[in-house]
Amino acid sequence: MSFPWLREPWLKLLKSAEQQRLAHAYYMRHQPQLGSEQFLLTLANYLLCRQPGKNACGQCKSCLLFKAGNHPDFWQIDATDENSIGIDEVRQLQRKLVQTANQGGARVAVLRPADKLTEQASNAILKVLEEPPAGMFWLLAVEQPDHLLPTLRSRMQWINLALPAKADDGHDELAASLYTSWFEGALPPVIKTKDDAQQWLDISEHLLLDLLATQQGVAASRMHFGSLQQRYRSWQQQYRVDPNALLHAVHECRQLRQRFQQAKGLNLGLLLSLYWQQWAQHDFSSPSGSSL
């Protein structure tokens, strides 16, 4: 897990899995900017994996289907932009979950934010959880846990992600210093330890995602470092931004994180510093008066 506060709850889930004591349903707080979305999908991938270890193997057919976004035993209801999750949506999901697993393993459903479930929809899920079929998992992310029916909460296990009180957790200033080194010629931050390197890798990815979000008109409240929005906008107004270059840099961040997790002795700080140097010289943008 790239967010440090997610590691302890993840290890607890792994212990439950090793002891074959996983619950059929879990719920957790829904704060994507703090890593809850990463945790949610990582858990779904793990449950579907046919050869799991400390994480999903990433190599079996089930993992490859999940990465491709077309796993036949994985379903989601994303009501982020909806007013509610109704009974018809839940019943349709239930019909899929009771079918035999296409890949012969688990069937997983994700609902977010689940506090938008209507009372009828909540009761429909509750009825299933009273006698849950083997291999079926419900993962619910909620913005306000108390908004779920108490009877529904009683049938699920709470995952305490111990999310920090603020989205930036004091990182806005760090992100600002990195932004300045990339685009304003300042010296890059100094990476002293392995933990520092992991933190700076997270900040790098989130900063790049914020720049992409600025192009899409996303509100500051939904950005990782919303206090930098005005600087993002100024950059966007002055330059014609290349979203593909930004996406490629995000991909490089994720590849680097995966390499670090899989390879012992990798000097993450050195490699990240090299990426920073490349990105600072990279043509993420061109002056607004010229063509790309």
Protein backbone atom coordinates (compact mmCIF):
# COMPACT_ATOMS: atom_id res chain seq x y z
CA MET A 1 0.00 0.00 0.00
CA SER A 2 1.47 3.33 -1.01
CA PHE A 3 -0.34 5.26 1.77
CA PRO A 4 1.31 4.47 5.12
CA TRP A 5 -1.97 4.50 7.08
CA LEU A 6 -3.32 1.67 4.90
CA ARG A 7 -0.61 -0.86 5.74
CA GLU A 8 -1.83 -1.91 9.20
CA PRO A 9 -5.45 -2.61 8.16
CA TRP A 10 -4.13 -4.46 5.11
CA LEU A 11 -1.95 -6.71 7.28
CA LYS A 12 -4.94 -7.44 9.51
CA LEU A 13 -6.96 -8.54 6.48
CA LEU A 14 -4.10 -10.76 5.32
CA LYS A 15 -4.03 -12.42 8.73
CA SER A 16 -7.78 -13.07 8.51
CA ALA A 17 -7.29 -14.56 5.04
CA GLU A 18 -4.49 -16.83 6.26
CA GLN A 19 -6.75 -18.03 9.08
CA GLN A 20 -9.65 -18.43 6.62
CA ARG A 21 -11.69 -15.96 8.64
CA LEU A 22 -12.56 -13.38 5.99
CA ALA A 23 -16.02 -11.88 6.32
CA HIS A 24 -18.54 -11.89 3.48
CA ALA A 25 -19.00 -8.13 3.73
CA TYR A 26 -16.85 -5.19 4.75
CA TYR A 27 -17.42 -1.47 4.96
CA MET A 28 -14.91 1.35 5.22
CA ARG A 29 -14.74 5.12 5.02
CA HIS A 30 -14.91 6.59 1.50
CA GLN A 31 -12.20 9.21 1.06
CA PRO A 32 -10.53 8.49 -2.31
CA GLN A 33 -8.01 11.30 -1.98
CA LEU A 34 -6.64 9.57 1.12
CA GLY A 35 -6.26 6.17 -0.51
CA SER A 36 -9.55 4.45 0.32
CA GLU A 37 -10.19 3.81 -3.39
CA GLN A 38 -6.79 2.17 -3.74
CA PHE A 39 -7.51 0.00 -0.69
CA LEU A 40 -10.95 -0.94 -1.98
CA LEU A 41 -9.76 -2.07 -5.41
CA THR A 42 -6.62 -3.74 -4.05
CA LEU A 43 -8.83 -5.80 -1.74
CA ALA A 44 -11.22 -6.69 -4.58
CA ASN A 45 -8.26 -7.78 -6.73
CA TYR A 46 -6.87 -9.86 -3.84
CA LEU A 47 -10.20 -11.65 -3.27
CA LEU A 48 -10.47 -12.51 -6.97
CA CYS A 49 -6.85 -13.63 -7.37
CA ARG A 50 -6.35 -17.38 -7.77
CA GLN A 51 -2.81 -17.37 -6.35
CA PRO A 52 -2.73 -14.66 -3.66
CA GLY A 53 0.21 -14.08 -1.34
CA LYS A 54 0.77 -10.84 0.53
CA ASN A 55 -1.00 -9.20 -2.41
CA ALA A 56 -2.78 -10.38 -5.53
CA CYS A 57 -0.25 -12.21 -7.71
CA GLY A 58 -0.83 -9.94 -10.73
CA GLN A 59 -0.10 -12.82 -13.11
CA CYS A 60 -3.01 -15.28 -13.00
CA LYS A 61 -5.84 -15.01 -15.52
CA SER A 62 -8.12 -13.50 -12.88
CA CYS A 63 -5.62 -10.72 -12.08
CA LEU A 64 -5.07 -9.99 -15.76
CA LEU A 65 -8.81 -9.70 -16.32
CA PHE A 66 -9.11 -7.39 -13.32
CA LYS A 67 -6.30 -5.15 -14.58
CA ALA A 68 -7.96 -5.02 -17.98
CA GLY A 69 -11.19 -3.86 -16.35
CA ASN A 70 -13.35 -6.73 -17.62
CA HIS A 71 -13.34 -9.38 -14.89
CA PRO A 72 -16.63 -11.29 -15.26
CA ASP A 73 -16.96 -11.88 -11.50
CA PHE A 74 -16.43 -8.29 -10.41
CA TRP A 75 -19.17 -5.65 -10.38
CA GLN A 76 -19.37 -2.07 -9.16
CA ILE A 77 -22.03 0.50 -8.40
CA ASP A 78 -20.50 3.96 -8.37
CA ALA A 79 -23.04 6.54 -7.20
CA THR A 80 -20.56 9.39 -6.77
CA ASP A 81 -22.59 11.58 -9.12
CA GLU A 82 -25.99 10.08 -8.29
CA ASN A 83 -28.55 10.96 -5.65
CA SER A 84 -29.14 7.42 -4.46
CA ILE A 85 -28.58 3.69 -5.01
CA GLY A 86 -31.99 2.14 -5.53
CA ILE A 87 -33.52 -1.29 -5.13
CA ASP A 88 -33.47 -2.06 -8.86
CA GLU A 89 -29.70 -1.55 -9.09
CA VAL A 90 -29.10 -3.77 -6.06
CA ARG A 91 -31.42 -6.54 -7.31
CA GLN A 92 -29.65 -6.54 -10.68
CA LEU A 93 -26.33 -6.87 -8.86
CA GLN A 94 -27.68 -9.69 -6.69
CA ARG A 95 -28.75 -11.68 -9.75
CA LYS A 96 -25.19 -11.53 -11.05
CA LEU A 97 -23.63 -12.46 -7.72
CA VAL A 98 -25.68 -15.63 -7.23
CA GLN A 99 -24.51 -17.02 -10.56
CA THR A 100 -21.65 -19.51 -10.67
CA ALA A 101 -18.32 -17.71 -10.76
CA ASN A 102 -17.05 -17.50 -14.34
CA GLN A 103 -13.43 -17.93 -13.21
CA GLY A 104 -14.19 -20.54 -10.56
CA GLY A 105 -13.19 -18.28 -7.65
CA ALA A 106 -14.83 -15.47 -5.72
CA ARG A 107 -17.49 -13.00 -6.80
CA VAL A 108 -17.00 -9.43 -5.60
CA ALA A 109 -19.30 -6.41 -5.56
CA VAL A 110 -18.17 -2.86 -4.73
CA LEU A 111 -20.62 -0.08 -3.81
CA ARG A 112 -19.57 3.53 -3.33
CA PRO A 113 -20.61 5.69 -1.58
CA ALA A 114 -22.88 3.16 0.09
CA ASP A 115 -24.53 5.70 2.37
CA LYS A 116 -26.61 6.59 -0.71
CA LEU A 117 -28.41 3.23 -0.48
CA THR A 118 -32.16 3.64 -0.09
CA GLU A 119 -33.79 1.78 2.79
CA GLN A 120 -35.25 -0.77 0.37
CA ALA A 121 -31.88 -1.35 -1.26
CA SER A 122 -30.20 -1.71 2.14
CA ASN A 123 -32.78 -4.28 3.22
CA ALA A 124 -32.22 -6.24 0.01
CA ILE A 125 -28.50 -6.50 0.77
CA LEU A 126 -29.26 -7.35 4.39
CA LYS A 127 -31.40 -10.29 3.29
CA VAL A 128 -28.52 -11.72 1.26
CA LEU A 129 -26.03 -11.22 4.09
CA GLU A 130 -28.20 -13.16 6.51
CA GLU A 131 -27.35 -16.33 4.55
CA PRO A 132 -24.40 -15.35 2.31
CA PRO A 133 -23.47 -17.78 -0.45
CA ALA A 134 -19.92 -19.10 -0.35
CA GLY A 135 -17.38 -17.07 -2.28
CA MET A 136 -19.48 -13.88 -2.40
CA PHE A 137 -18.00 -10.64 -1.06
CA TRP A 138 -19.59 -7.21 -0.63
CA LEU A 139 -17.26 -4.21 -0.23
CA LEU A 140 -18.97 -0.96 0.74
CA ALA A 141 -17.29 2.45 0.95
CA VAL A 142 -19.22 5.04 2.94
CA GLU A 143 -18.76 8.77 3.48
CA GLN A 144 -20.78 8.73 6.71
CA PRO A 145 -20.86 5.24 8.30
CA ASP A 146 -23.71 6.22 10.62
CA HIS A 147 -25.92 6.73 7.56
CA LEU A 148 -26.01 2.98 6.94
CA LEU A 149 -28.83 1.02 8.56
CA PRO A 150 -27.66 -0.34 11.94
CA THR A 151 -28.96 -3.79 10.97
CA LEU A 152 -26.84 -3.71 7.80
CA ARG A 153 -23.73 -2.58 9.70
CA SER A 154 -24.24 -5.44 12.12
CA ARG A 155 -23.86 -7.93 9.24
CA MET A 156 -20.58 -6.45 8.02
CA GLN A 157 -17.09 -5.94 9.41
CA TRP A 158 -15.72 -2.43 9.73
CA ILE A 159 -12.25 -1.78 8.28
CA ASN A 160 -10.64 1.06 10.17
CA LEU A 161 -8.31 2.73 7.68
CA ALA A 162 -7.16 5.31 10.28
CA LEU A 163 -7.28 8.03 7.62
CA PRO A 164 -5.62 11.33 8.54
CA ALA A 165 -7.84 14.25 9.39
CA LYS A 166 -6.73 16.29 6.37
CA ALA A 167 -6.36 15.18 2.79
CA ASP A 168 -2.91 16.70 2.47
CA ASP A 169 -1.77 15.51 5.95
CA GLY A 170 0.72 18.38 5.87
CA HIS A 171 1.90 17.54 2.36
CA ASP A 172 0.66 20.63 0.50
CA GLU A 173 3.89 22.47 1.26
CA LEU A 174 5.94 19.49 0.09
CA ALA A 175 3.91 19.31 -3.11
CA ALA A 176 4.41 23.03 -3.65
CA SER A 177 8.19 22.63 -3.37
CA LEU A 178 8.13 19.80 -5.89
CA TYR A 179 5.94 21.81 -8.26
CA THR A 180 8.41 24.70 -8.04
CA SER A 181 11.34 22.43 -8.88
CA TRP A 182 9.56 20.99 -11.93
CA PHE A 183 8.18 24.16 -13.44
CA GLU A 184 9.98 27.12 -11.91
CA GLY A 185 13.61 25.99 -11.88
CA ALA A 186 14.04 25.55 -8.13
CA LEU A 187 16.30 22.86 -6.69
CA PRO A 188 14.52 19.52 -6.17
CA PRO A 189 13.76 18.25 -2.64
CA VAL A 190 16.40 16.08 -0.97
CA ILE A 191 15.41 12.45 -0.38
CA LYS A 192 17.16 11.16 2.74
CA THR A 193 15.53 7.84 3.65
CA LYS A 194 13.51 4.99 2.13
CA ASP A 195 10.38 6.22 3.91
CA ASP A 196 10.99 9.70 2.51
CA ALA A 197 11.29 8.21 -0.98
CA GLN A 198 7.95 6.41 -0.66
CA GLN A 199 6.30 9.60 0.56
CA TRP A 200 7.77 11.66 -2.28
CA LEU A 201 6.64 9.04 -4.79
CA ASP A 202 3.05 9.39 -3.55
CA ILE A 203 3.30 13.18 -3.69
CA SER A 204 4.71 13.03 -7.24
CA GLU A 205 1.86 10.87 -8.51
CA HIS A 206 -0.80 12.98 -6.79
CA LEU A 207 0.69 16.21 -8.12
CA LEU A 208 0.58 14.84 -11.67
CA LEU A 209 -3.02 13.69 -11.18
CA ASP A 210 -3.95 17.16 -9.91
CA LEU A 211 -2.53 18.71 -13.06
CA LEU A 212 -4.67 16.36 -15.13
CA ALA A 213 -7.71 17.13 -12.98
CA THR A 214 -7.19 20.86 -13.57
CA GLN A 215 -7.64 20.29 -17.30
CA GLN A 216 -10.92 18.53 -16.59
CA GLY A 217 -12.26 21.34 -14.39
CA VAL A 218 -12.27 19.28 -11.20
CA ALA A 219 -13.01 21.23 -8.03
CA ALA A 220 -10.17 21.90 -5.59
CA SER A 221 -11.99 19.88 -2.90
CA ARG A 222 -11.51 16.75 -5.02
CA MET A 223 -7.81 17.30 -5.64
CA HIS A 224 -4.99 15.93 -3.54
CA PHE A 225 -3.44 19.36 -3.05
CA GLY A 226 -6.34 21.74 -3.51
CA SER A 227 -4.44 24.70 -2.08
CA LEU A 228 -2.28 24.65 -5.23
CA GLN A 229 -5.23 24.96 -7.59
CA GLN A 230 -4.51 28.58 -8.50
CA ARG A 231 -0.95 27.69 -9.45
CA TYR A 232 -2.26 24.80 -11.54
CA ARG A 233 -4.66 27.14 -13.31
CA SER A 234 -1.99 29.74 -13.99
CA TRP A 235 0.20 27.07 -15.54
CA GLN A 236 -2.69 25.82 -17.63
CA GLN A 237 -3.51 29.34 -18.87
CA GLN A 238 0.09 30.07 -19.77
CA TYR A 239 0.82 26.75 -21.47
CA ARG A 240 -0.90 24.25 -23.69
CA VAL A 241 -0.74 21.09 -21.58
CA ASP A 242 -0.04 17.67 -23.06
CA PRO A 243 -2.27 15.24 -21.10
CA ASN A 244 -0.62 12.19 -22.65
CA ALA A 245 2.76 13.23 -21.27
CA LEU A 246 1.23 13.69 -17.81
CA LEU A 247 -0.48 10.29 -18.01
CA HIS A 248 2.81 8.70 -19.03
CA ALA A 249 4.50 10.23 -15.99
CA VAL A 250 1.71 8.90 -13.73
CA HIS A 251 2.27 5.46 -15.25
CA GLU A 252 6.00 5.76 -14.54
CA CYS A 253 5.21 6.52 -10.89
CA ARG A 254 3.09 3.38 -10.60
CA GLN A 255 5.66 1.23 -12.35
CA LEU A 256 8.36 2.53 -10.03
CA ARG A 257 6.22 1.74 -6.98
CA GLN A 258 5.61 -1.79 -8.27
CA ARG A 259 9.32 -2.33 -8.92
CA PHE A 260 10.16 -1.13 -5.42
CA GLN A 261 7.62 -3.51 -3.87
CA GLN A 262 8.96 -6.49 -5.83
CA ALA A 263 12.74 -5.90 -5.84
CA LYS A 264 14.90 -5.89 -2.72
CA GLY A 265 17.69 -3.33 -2.51
CA LEU A 266 16.21 -0.99 -5.11
CA ASN A 267 17.33 2.60 -4.51
CA LEU A 268 13.94 4.22 -4.80
CA GLY A 269 15.20 7.68 -3.86
CA LEU A 270 17.83 7.73 -6.59
CA LEU A 271 15.44 6.47 -9.27
CA LEU A 272 12.75 8.95 -8.25
CA SER A 273 15.27 11.81 -8.40
CA LEU A 274 16.16 10.74 -11.94
CA TYR A 275 12.48 10.77 -12.88
CA TRP A 276 12.13 14.26 -11.43
CA GLN A 277 15.02 15.42 -13.57
CA GLN A 278 13.42 13.93 -16.69
CA TRP A 279 10.01 15.42 -15.89
CA ALA A 280 11.49 18.85 -15.24
CA GLN A 281 12.98 18.73 -18.75
CA HIS A 282 9.98 16.97 -20.29
CA ASP A 283 7.69 18.81 -22.65
CA PHE A 284 4.54 18.46 -20.50
CA SER A 285 3.43 21.65 -22.18
CA SER A 286 4.22 24.26 -24.78
CA PRO A 287 3.52 28.02 -24.64
CA SER A 288 -0.14 28.68 -25.37
CA GLY A 289 0.70 30.59 -28.50
CA SER A 290 2.47 27.66 -30.18
CA SER A 291 1.30 24.29 -31.42
CA LEU A 292 2.14 21.02 -29.71
